[in-house]
Amino acid sequence: GISKVHERFFDAGGFGILIGDGRLPRPAGEQILET
């Protein structure tokens, strides 16, 4: 997960180290299953 202000940053068009879609209108936690 990321913080609320981190979510707003991505929704405002920000880019991180590896991610960023230009908008993030419906954020949610990332869930991963690995084997």
Full PDB file with SEQRES, HELIX, SHEET, SSBOND, CRYST1, ORIGX, SCALE, CONECT and MASTER records, all heavy atoms in Angstrom:
SEQRES   1 A   35  GLY ILE SER LYS VAL HIS GLU ARG PHE PHE ASP ALA GLY          
SEQRES   2 A   35  GLY PHE GLY ILE LEU ILE GLY ASP GLY ARG LEU PRO ARG          
SEQRES   3 A   35  PRO ALA GLY GLU GLN ILE LEU GLU THR                          
HELIX    1 AA1 LYS A    4  ASP A   11  1                                   8    
CRYST1    1.000    1.000    1.000  90.00  90.00  90.00 P 1           1          
ORIGX1      1.000000  0.000000  0.000000        0.00000                         
ORIGX2      0.000000  1.000000  0.000000        0.00000                         
ORIGX3      0.000000  0.000000  1.000000        0.00000                         
SCALE1      1.000000  0.000000  0.000000        0.00000                         
SCALE2      0.000000  1.000000  0.000000        0.00000                         
SCALE3      0.000000  0.000000  1.000000        0.00000                         
ATOM      1  N   GLY A   1       0.813  -1.203   0.000  1.00  0.00           N  
ATOM      2  CA  GLY A   1       0.000   0.000   0.000  1.00  0.00           C  
ATOM      3  C   GLY A   1       0.849   1.257   0.000  1.00  0.00           C  
ATOM      4  O   GLY A   1       2.058   1.220   0.266  1.00  0.00           O  
ATOM      5  N   ILE A   2       0.227   2.373  -0.322  1.00  0.00           N  
ATOM      6  CA  ILE A   2       0.883   3.680  -0.291  1.00  0.00           C  
ATOM      7  C   ILE A   2       0.012   4.641   0.515  1.00  0.00           C  
ATOM      8  O   ILE A   2      -1.181   4.399   0.736  1.00  0.00           O  
ATOM      9  CB  ILE A   2       1.139   4.244  -1.707  1.00  0.00           C  
ATOM     10  CG1 ILE A   2      -0.152   4.255  -2.534  1.00  0.00           C  
ATOM     11  CG2 ILE A   2       2.226   3.443  -2.411  1.00  0.00           C  
ATOM     12  CD1 ILE A   2       0.007   4.879  -3.917  1.00  0.00           C  
ATOM     13  N   SER A   3       0.616   5.740   0.944  1.00  0.00           N  
ATOM     14  CA  SER A   3      -0.093   6.728   1.748  1.00  0.00           C  
ATOM     15  C   SER A   3      -1.131   7.469   0.904  1.00  0.00           C  
ATOM     16  O   SER A   3      -1.102   7.445  -0.337  1.00  0.00           O  
ATOM     17  CB  SER A   3       0.899   7.718   2.350  1.00  0.00           C  
ATOM     18  OG  SER A   3       1.514   8.481   1.311  1.00  0.00           O  
ATOM     19  N   LYS A   4      -2.064   8.147   1.569  1.00  0.00           N  
ATOM     20  CA  LYS A   4      -3.098   8.903   0.868  1.00  0.00           C  
ATOM     21  C   LYS A   4      -2.515  10.015   0.008  1.00  0.00           C  
ATOM     22  O   LYS A   4      -2.967  10.256  -1.120  1.00  0.00           O  
ATOM     23  CB  LYS A   4      -4.104   9.484   1.876  1.00  0.00           C  
ATOM     24  CG  LYS A   4      -4.944   8.434   2.589  1.00  0.00           C  
ATOM     25  CD  LYS A   4      -5.775   7.633   1.591  1.00  0.00           C  
ATOM     26  CE  LYS A   4      -6.651   6.611   2.303  1.00  0.00           C  
ATOM     27  NZ  LYS A   4      -7.431   5.785   1.337  1.00  0.00           N  
ATOM     28  N   VAL A   5      -1.497  10.706   0.532  1.00  0.00           N  
ATOM     29  CA  VAL A   5      -0.898  11.780  -0.258  1.00  0.00           C  
ATOM     30  C   VAL A   5      -0.117  11.206  -1.434  1.00  0.00           C  
ATOM     31  O   VAL A   5      -0.049  11.825  -2.508  1.00  0.00           O  
ATOM     32  CB  VAL A   5      -0.006  12.680   0.636  1.00  0.00           C  
ATOM     33  CG1 VAL A   5       1.264  11.938   1.082  1.00  0.00           C  
ATOM     34  CG2 VAL A   5       0.359  13.969  -0.091  1.00  0.00           C  
ATOM     35  N   HIS A   6       0.420  10.012  -1.272  1.00  0.00           N  
ATOM     36  CA  HIS A   6       1.085   9.317  -2.369  1.00  0.00           C  
ATOM     37  C   HIS A   6       0.070   8.971  -3.464  1.00  0.00           C  
ATOM     38  O   HIS A   6       0.347   9.111  -4.662  1.00  0.00           O  
ATOM     39  CB  HIS A   6       1.752   8.047  -1.823  1.00  0.00           C  
ATOM     40  CG  HIS A   6       2.926   7.577  -2.598  1.00  0.00           C  
ATOM     41  ND1 HIS A   6       3.887   6.748  -2.072  1.00  0.00           N  
ATOM     42  CD2 HIS A   6       3.304   7.781  -3.886  1.00  0.00           C  
ATOM     43  CE1 HIS A   6       4.793   6.476  -2.981  1.00  0.00           C  
ATOM     44  NE2 HIS A   6       4.455   7.082  -4.101  1.00  0.00           N  
ATOM     45  N   GLU A   7      -1.130   8.539  -3.064  1.00  0.00           N  
ATOM     46  CA  GLU A   7      -2.202   8.261  -4.019  1.00  0.00           C  
ATOM     47  C   GLU A   7      -2.587   9.533  -4.772  1.00  0.00           C  
ATOM     48  O   GLU A   7      -2.768   9.519  -5.999  1.00  0.00           O  
ATOM     49  CB  GLU A   7      -3.419   7.700  -3.295  1.00  0.00           C  
ATOM     50  CG  GLU A   7      -3.229   6.299  -2.738  1.00  0.00           C  
ATOM     51  CD  GLU A   7      -4.439   5.831  -1.946  1.00  0.00           C  
ATOM     52  OE1 GLU A   7      -5.380   6.652  -1.749  1.00  0.00           O  
ATOM     53  OE2 GLU A   7      -4.462   4.663  -1.521  1.00  0.00           O  
ATOM     54  N   ARG A   8      -2.730  10.655  -4.034  1.00  0.00           N  
ATOM     55  CA  ARG A   8      -3.119  11.914  -4.678  1.00  0.00           C  
ATOM     56  C   ARG A   8      -2.044  12.389  -5.647  1.00  0.00           C  
ATOM     57  O   ARG A   8      -2.355  12.984  -6.683  1.00  0.00           O  
ATOM     58  CB  ARG A   8      -3.400  12.981  -3.616  1.00  0.00           C  
ATOM     59  CG  ARG A   8      -4.606  12.671  -2.734  1.00  0.00           C  
ATOM     60  CD  ARG A   8      -5.125  13.913  -2.030  1.00  0.00           C  
ATOM     61  NE  ARG A   8      -4.108  14.559  -1.222  1.00  0.00           N  
ATOM     62  CZ  ARG A   8      -3.869  14.270   0.054  1.00  0.00           C  
ATOM     63  NH1 ARG A   8      -4.569  13.322   0.656  1.00  0.00           N  
ATOM     64  NH2 ARG A   8      -2.940  14.908   0.723  1.00  0.00           N  
ATOM     65  N   PHE A   9      -0.787  12.114  -5.320  1.00  0.00           N  
ATOM     66  CA  PHE A   9       0.319  12.465  -6.208  1.00  0.00           C  
ATOM     67  C   PHE A   9       0.195  11.737  -7.543  1.00  0.00           C  
ATOM     68  O   PHE A   9       0.334  12.339  -8.615  1.00  0.00           O  
ATOM     69  CB  PHE A   9       1.645  12.133  -5.516  1.00  0.00           C  
ATOM     70  CG  PHE A   9       2.841  12.156  -6.418  1.00  0.00           C  
ATOM     71  CD1 PHE A   9       3.392  13.360  -6.845  1.00  0.00           C  
ATOM     72  CD2 PHE A   9       3.432  10.969  -6.838  1.00  0.00           C  
ATOM     73  CE1 PHE A   9       4.502  13.371  -7.684  1.00  0.00           C  
ATOM     74  CE2 PHE A   9       4.538  10.978  -7.659  1.00  0.00           C  
ATOM     75  CZ  PHE A   9       5.076  12.183  -8.091  1.00  0.00           C  
ATOM     76  N   PHE A  10      -0.078  10.434  -7.499  1.00  0.00           N  
ATOM     77  CA  PHE A  10      -0.249   9.677  -8.743  1.00  0.00           C  
ATOM     78  C   PHE A  10      -1.496  10.142  -9.499  1.00  0.00           C  
ATOM     79  O   PHE A  10      -1.495  10.199 -10.729  1.00  0.00           O  
ATOM     80  CB  PHE A  10      -0.337   8.184  -8.451  1.00  0.00           C  
ATOM     81  CG  PHE A  10       0.982   7.540  -8.147  1.00  0.00           C  
ATOM     82  CD1 PHE A  10       1.152   6.769  -7.010  1.00  0.00           C  
ATOM     83  CD2 PHE A  10       2.067   7.700  -8.992  1.00  0.00           C  
ATOM     84  CE1 PHE A  10       2.369   6.166  -6.727  1.00  0.00           C  
ATOM     85  CE2 PHE A  10       3.288   7.110  -8.722  1.00  0.00           C  
ATOM     86  CZ  PHE A  10       3.444   6.341  -7.588  1.00  0.00           C  
ATOM     87  N   ASP A  11      -2.552  10.474  -8.771  1.00  0.00           N  
ATOM     88  CA  ASP A  11      -3.775  10.933  -9.425  1.00  0.00           C  
ATOM     89  C   ASP A  11      -3.574  12.296 -10.081  1.00  0.00           C  
ATOM     90  O   ASP A  11      -4.294  12.645 -11.026  1.00  0.00           O  
ATOM     91  CB  ASP A  11      -4.918  10.997  -8.400  1.00  0.00           C  
ATOM     92  CG  ASP A  11      -6.267  11.152  -9.063  1.00  0.00           C  
ATOM     93  OD1 ASP A  11      -6.493  10.525 -10.124  1.00  0.00           O  
ATOM     94  OD2 ASP A  11      -7.111  11.895  -8.533  1.00  0.00           O  
ATOM     95  N   ALA A  12      -2.589  13.054  -9.590  1.00  0.00           N  
ATOM     96  CA  ALA A  12      -2.287  14.362 -10.174  1.00  0.00           C  
ATOM     97  C   ALA A  12      -1.280  14.268 -11.316  1.00  0.00           C  
ATOM     98  O   ALA A  12      -0.758  15.289 -11.764  1.00  0.00           O  
ATOM     99  CB  ALA A  12      -1.756  15.299  -9.093  1.00  0.00           C  
ATOM    100  N   GLY A  13      -1.006  13.042 -11.793  1.00  0.00           N  
ATOM    101  CA  GLY A  13      -0.115  12.871 -12.938  1.00  0.00           C  
ATOM    102  C   GLY A  13       1.323  12.604 -12.587  1.00  0.00           C  
ATOM    103  O   GLY A  13       2.186  12.611 -13.468  1.00  0.00           O  
ATOM    104  N   GLY A  14       1.617  12.368 -11.308  1.00  0.00           N  
ATOM    105  CA  GLY A  14       2.994  12.111 -10.910  1.00  0.00           C  
ATOM    106  C   GLY A  14       3.486  10.732 -11.309  1.00  0.00           C  
ATOM    107  O   GLY A  14       2.694   9.810 -11.538  1.00  0.00           O  
ATOM    108  N   PHE A  15       4.796  10.607 -11.381  1.00  0.00           N  
ATOM    109  CA  PHE A  15       5.443   9.340 -11.709  1.00  0.00           C  
ATOM    110  C   PHE A  15       6.422   8.960 -10.613  1.00  0.00           C  
ATOM    111  O   PHE A  15       7.155   9.806 -10.104  1.00  0.00           O  
ATOM    112  CB  PHE A  15       6.179   9.425 -13.050  1.00  0.00           C  
ATOM    113  CG  PHE A  15       5.257   9.480 -14.230  1.00  0.00           C  
ATOM    114  CD1 PHE A  15       4.865  10.705 -14.751  1.00  0.00           C  
ATOM    115  CD2 PHE A  15       4.757   8.329 -14.803  1.00  0.00           C  
ATOM    116  CE1 PHE A  15       4.004  10.773 -15.829  1.00  0.00           C  
ATOM    117  CE2 PHE A  15       3.895   8.382 -15.886  1.00  0.00           C  
ATOM    118  CZ  PHE A  15       3.517   9.607 -16.396  1.00  0.00           C  
ATOM    119  N   GLY A  16       6.437   7.664 -10.246  1.00  0.00           N  
ATOM    120  CA  GLY A  16       7.369   7.155  -9.251  1.00  0.00           C  
ATOM    121  C   GLY A  16       8.556   6.489  -9.894  1.00  0.00           C  
ATOM    122  O   GLY A  16       8.852   6.708 -11.072  1.00  0.00           O  
ATOM    123  N   ILE A  17       9.238   5.651  -9.130  1.00  0.00           N  
ATOM    124  CA  ILE A  17      10.425   4.975  -9.644  1.00  0.00           C  
ATOM    125  C   ILE A  17      10.066   4.089 -10.834  1.00  0.00           C  
ATOM    126  O   ILE A  17      10.731   4.105 -11.863  1.00  0.00           O  
ATOM    127  CB  ILE A  17      11.073   4.118  -8.533  1.00  0.00           C  
ATOM    128  CG1 ILE A  17      11.439   4.985  -7.343  1.00  0.00           C  
ATOM    129  CG2 ILE A  17      12.285   3.373  -9.047  1.00  0.00           C  
ATOM    130  CD1 ILE A  17      11.863   4.192  -6.134  1.00  0.00           C  
ATOM    131  N   LEU A  18       9.004   3.300 -10.671  1.00  0.00           N  
ATOM    132  CA  LEU A  18       8.613   2.350 -11.712  1.00  0.00           C  
ATOM    133  C   LEU A  18       7.164   2.485 -12.145  1.00  0.00           C  
ATOM    134  O   LEU A  18       6.768   1.859 -13.121  1.00  0.00           O  
ATOM    135  CB  LEU A  18       8.831   0.908 -11.210  1.00  0.00           C  
ATOM    136  CG  LEU A  18      10.262   0.483 -10.905  1.00  0.00           C  
ATOM    137  CD1 LEU A  18      10.289  -0.919 -10.327  1.00  0.00           C  
ATOM    138  CD2 LEU A  18      11.126   0.535 -12.168  1.00  0.00           C  
ATOM    139  N   ILE A  19       6.341   3.230 -11.434  1.00  0.00           N  
ATOM    140  CA  ILE A  19       4.910   3.239 -11.730  1.00  0.00           C  
ATOM    141  C   ILE A  19       4.384   4.655 -11.902  1.00  0.00           C  
ATOM    142  O   ILE A  19       5.038   5.639 -11.548  1.00  0.00           O  
ATOM    143  CB  ILE A  19       4.100   2.511 -10.639  1.00  0.00           C  
ATOM    144  CG1 ILE A  19       4.176   3.272  -9.302  1.00  0.00           C  
ATOM    145  CG2 ILE A  19       4.585   1.091 -10.457  1.00  0.00           C  
ATOM    146  CD1 ILE A  19       3.289   2.669  -8.228  1.00  0.00           C  
ATOM    147  N   GLY A  20       3.181   4.724 -12.451  1.00  0.00           N  
ATOM    148  CA  GLY A  20       2.500   5.995 -12.692  1.00  0.00           C  
ATOM    149  C   GLY A  20       1.696   5.891 -13.975  1.00  0.00           C  
ATOM    150  O   GLY A  20       2.244   5.615 -15.031  1.00  0.00           O  
ATOM    151  N   ASP A  21       0.377   6.068 -13.879  1.00  0.00           N  
ATOM    152  CA  ASP A  21      -0.513   5.934 -15.031  1.00  0.00           C  
ATOM    153  C   ASP A  21      -1.062   7.268 -15.511  1.00  0.00           C  
ATOM    154  O   ASP A  21      -1.936   7.307 -16.363  1.00  0.00           O  
ATOM    155  CB  ASP A  21      -1.689   5.016 -14.672  1.00  0.00           C  
ATOM    156  CG  ASP A  21      -1.245   3.567 -14.507  1.00  0.00           C  
ATOM    157  OD1 ASP A  21      -0.386   3.125 -15.274  1.00  0.00           O  
ATOM    158  OD2 ASP A  21      -1.749   2.895 -13.599  1.00  0.00           O  
ATOM    159  N   GLY A  22      -0.595   8.357 -14.952  1.00  0.00           N  
ATOM    160  CA  GLY A  22      -1.125   9.667 -15.326  1.00  0.00           C  
ATOM    161  C   GLY A  22      -2.306  10.087 -14.471  1.00  0.00           C  
ATOM    162  O   GLY A  22      -2.450  11.261 -14.149  1.00  0.00           O  
ATOM    163  N   ARG A  23      -3.138   9.127 -14.077  1.00  0.00           N  
ATOM    164  CA  ARG A  23      -4.243   9.363 -13.163  1.00  0.00           C  
ATOM    165  C   ARG A  23      -4.396   8.128 -12.290  1.00  0.00           C  
ATOM    166  O   ARG A  23      -4.023   7.030 -12.682  1.00  0.00           O  
ATOM    167  CB  ARG A  23      -5.562   9.628 -13.905  1.00  0.00           C  
ATOM    168  CG  ARG A  23      -5.646  10.931 -14.668  1.00  0.00           C  
ATOM    169  CD  ARG A  23      -5.515  12.138 -13.757  1.00  0.00           C  
ATOM    170  NE  ARG A  23      -6.506  12.166 -12.684  1.00  0.00           N  
ATOM    171  CZ  ARG A  23      -7.723  12.654 -12.809  1.00  0.00           C  
ATOM    172  NH1 ARG A  23      -8.146  13.147 -13.958  1.00  0.00           N  
ATOM    173  NH2 ARG A  23      -8.544  12.663 -11.761  1.00  0.00           N  
ATOM    174  N   LEU A  24      -4.976   8.311 -11.110  1.00  0.00           N  
ATOM    175  CA  LEU A  24      -5.257   7.197 -10.210  1.00  0.00           C  
ATOM    176  C   LEU A  24      -6.595   7.475  -9.516  1.00  0.00           C  
ATOM    177  O   LEU A  24      -6.646   7.739  -8.321  1.00  0.00           O  
ATOM    178  CB  LEU A  24      -4.127   7.027  -9.195  1.00  0.00           C  
ATOM    179  CG  LEU A  24      -4.141   5.746  -8.360  1.00  0.00           C  
ATOM    180  CD1 LEU A  24      -3.980   4.515  -9.237  1.00  0.00           C  
ATOM    181  CD2 LEU A  24      -3.039   5.789  -7.309  1.00  0.00           C  
ATOM    182  N   PRO A  25      -7.704   7.418 -10.277  1.00  0.00           N  
ATOM    183  CA  PRO A  25      -8.997   7.828  -9.713  1.00  0.00           C  
ATOM    184  C   PRO A  25      -9.565   6.853  -8.697  1.00  0.00           C  
ATOM    185  O   PRO A  25     -10.311   7.256  -7.811  1.00  0.00           O  
ATOM    186  CB  PRO A  25      -9.901   7.911 -10.953  1.00  0.00           C  
ATOM    187  CG  PRO A  25      -9.268   6.978 -11.940  1.00  0.00           C  
ATOM    188  CD  PRO A  25      -7.789   7.060 -11.694  1.00  0.00           C  
ATOM    189  N   ARG A  26      -9.225   5.566  -8.816  1.00  0.00           N  
ATOM    190  CA  ARG A  26      -9.761   4.556  -7.900  1.00  0.00           C  
ATOM    191  C   ARG A  26      -8.622   3.708  -7.350  1.00  0.00           C  
ATOM    192  O   ARG A  26      -8.417   2.566  -7.774  1.00  0.00           O  
ATOM    193  CB  ARG A  26     -10.798   3.688  -8.619  1.00  0.00           C  
ATOM    194  CG  ARG A  26     -12.109   4.412  -8.897  1.00  0.00           C  
ATOM    195  CD  ARG A  26     -13.069   3.570  -9.700  1.00  0.00           C  
ATOM    196  NE  ARG A  26     -12.597   3.358 -11.063  1.00  0.00           N  
ATOM    197  CZ  ARG A  26     -12.762   4.223 -12.055  1.00  0.00           C  
ATOM    198  NH1 ARG A  26     -13.388   5.370 -11.828  1.00  0.00           N  
ATOM    199  NH2 ARG A  26     -12.310   3.971 -13.250  1.00  0.00           N  
ATOM    200  N   PRO A  27      -7.869   4.238  -6.401  1.00  0.00           N  
ATOM    201  CA  PRO A  27      -6.718   3.496  -5.872  1.00  0.00           C  
ATOM    202  C   PRO A  27      -7.139   2.382  -4.929  1.00  0.00           C  
ATOM    203  O   PRO A  27      -8.203   2.440  -4.300  1.00  0.00           O  
ATOM    204  CB  PRO A  27      -5.920   4.571  -5.131  1.00  0.00           C  
ATOM    205  CG  PRO A  27      -6.959   5.556  -4.698  1.00  0.00           C  
ATOM    206  CD  PRO A  27      -7.983   5.579  -5.800  1.00  0.00           C  
ATOM    207  N   ALA A  28      -6.298   1.374  -4.816  1.00  0.00           N  
ATOM    208  CA  ALA A  28      -6.510   0.278  -3.872  1.00  0.00           C  
ATOM    209  C   ALA A  28      -5.180  -0.414  -3.649  1.00  0.00           C  
ATOM    210  O   ALA A  28      -4.238  -0.267  -4.429  1.00  0.00           O  
ATOM    211  CB  ALA A  28      -7.552  -0.714  -4.398  1.00  0.00           C  
ATOM    212  N   GLY A  29      -5.108  -1.170  -2.576  1.00  0.00           N  
ATOM    213  CA  GLY A  29      -3.877  -1.883  -2.264  1.00  0.00           C  
ATOM    214  C   GLY A  29      -3.540  -2.940  -3.308  1.00  0.00           C  
ATOM    215  O   GLY A  29      -4.427  -3.551  -3.917  1.00  0.00           O  
ATOM    216  N   GLU A  30      -2.258  -3.128  -3.516  1.00  0.00           N  
ATOM    217  CA  GLU A  30      -1.766  -4.136  -4.456  1.00  0.00           C  
ATOM    218  C   GLU A  30      -1.708  -5.486  -3.752  1.00  0.00           C  
ATOM    219  O   GLU A  30      -1.188  -5.591  -2.643  1.00  0.00           O  
ATOM    220  CB  GLU A  30      -0.371  -3.718  -4.933  1.00  0.00           C  
ATOM    221  CG  GLU A  30       0.149  -4.470  -6.129  1.00  0.00           C  
ATOM    222  CD  GLU A  30       1.492  -3.927  -6.573  1.00  0.00           C  
ATOM    223  OE1 GLU A  30       2.445  -3.965  -5.770  1.00  0.00           O  
ATOM    224  OE2 GLU A  30       1.595  -3.440  -7.708  1.00  0.00           O  
ATOM    225  N   GLN A  31      -2.240  -6.521  -4.395  1.00  0.00           N  
ATOM    226  CA  GLN A  31      -2.278  -7.863  -3.814  1.00  0.00           C  
ATOM    227  C   GLN A  31      -1.531  -8.822  -4.738  1.00  0.00           C  
ATOM    228  O   GLN A  31      -1.789  -8.847  -5.948  1.00  0.00           O  
ATOM    229  CB  GLN A  31      -3.730  -8.323  -3.634  1.00  0.00           C  
ATOM    230  CG  GLN A  31      -4.554  -7.375  -2.793  1.00  0.00           C  
ATOM    231  CD  GLN A  31      -6.038  -7.670  -2.886  1.00  0.00           C  
ATOM    232  OE1 GLN A  31      -6.444  -8.715  -3.381  1.00  0.00           O  
ATOM    233  NE2 GLN A  31      -6.860  -6.750  -2.402  1.00  0.00           N  
ATOM    234  N   ILE A  32      -0.622  -9.603  -4.156  1.00  0.00           N  
ATOM    235  CA  ILE A  32       0.233 -10.475  -4.965  1.00  0.00           C  
ATOM    236  C   ILE A  32       0.223 -11.883  -4.382  1.00  0.00           C  
ATOM    237  O   ILE A  32       0.404 -12.069  -3.177  1.00  0.00           O  
ATOM    238  CB  ILE A  32       1.686  -9.954  -5.006  1.00  0.00           C  
ATOM    239  CG1 ILE A  32       1.725  -8.513  -5.530  1.00  0.00           C  
ATOM    240  CG2 ILE A  32       2.560 -10.858  -5.880  1.00  0.00           C  
ATOM    241  CD1 ILE A  32       3.078  -7.854  -5.400  1.00  0.00           C  
ATOM    242  N   LEU A  33       0.032 -12.853  -5.252  1.00  0.00           N  
ATOM    243  CA  LEU A  33       0.195 -14.262  -4.901  1.00  0.00           C  
ATOM    244  C   LEU A  33       1.336 -14.803  -5.742  1.00  0.00           C  
ATOM    245  O   LEU A  33       1.353 -14.617  -6.964  1.00  0.00           O  
ATOM    246  CB  LEU A  33      -1.083 -15.047  -5.183  1.00  0.00           C  
ATOM    247  CG  LEU A  33      -1.037 -16.542  -4.858  1.00  0.00           C  
ATOM    248  CD1 LEU A  33      -0.913 -16.751  -3.351  1.00  0.00           C  
ATOM    249  CD2 LEU A  33      -2.286 -17.245  -5.387  1.00  0.00           C  
ATOM    250  N   GLU A  34       2.308 -15.436  -5.095  1.00  0.00           N  
ATOM    251  CA  GLU A  34       3.506 -15.898  -5.818  1.00  0.00           C  
ATOM    252  C   GLU A  34       3.833 -17.332  -5.433  1.00  0.00           C  
ATOM    253  O   GLU A  34       3.676 -17.736  -4.280  1.00  0.00           O  
ATOM    254  CB  GLU A  34       4.697 -14.993  -5.494  1.00  0.00           C  
ATOM    255  CG  GLU A  34       5.976 -15.396  -6.228  1.00  0.00           C  
ATOM    256  CD  GLU A  34       7.113 -14.411  -6.027  1.00  0.00           C  
ATOM    257  OE1 GLU A  34       6.967 -13.500  -5.178  1.00  0.00           O  
ATOM    258  OE2 GLU A  34       8.135 -14.537  -6.708  1.00  0.00           O  
ATOM    259  N   THR A  35       4.304 -18.093  -6.410  1.00  0.00           N  
ATOM    260  CA  THR A  35       4.758 -19.450  -6.161  1.00  0.00           C  
ATOM    261  C   THR A  35       5.986 -19.730  -7.022  1.00  0.00           C  
ATOM    262  O   THR A  35       6.162 -19.122  -8.085  1.00  0.00           O  
ATOM    263  CB  THR A  35       3.644 -20.472  -6.456  1.00  0.00           C  
ATOM    264  OG1 THR A  35       4.093 -21.779  -6.117  1.00  0.00           O  
ATOM    265  CG2 THR A  35       3.238 -20.445  -7.923  1.00  0.00           C  
TER     266      THR A  35                                                      
MASTER        0    0    0    1    0    0    0    6  265    1    0    3          
END                                                                             
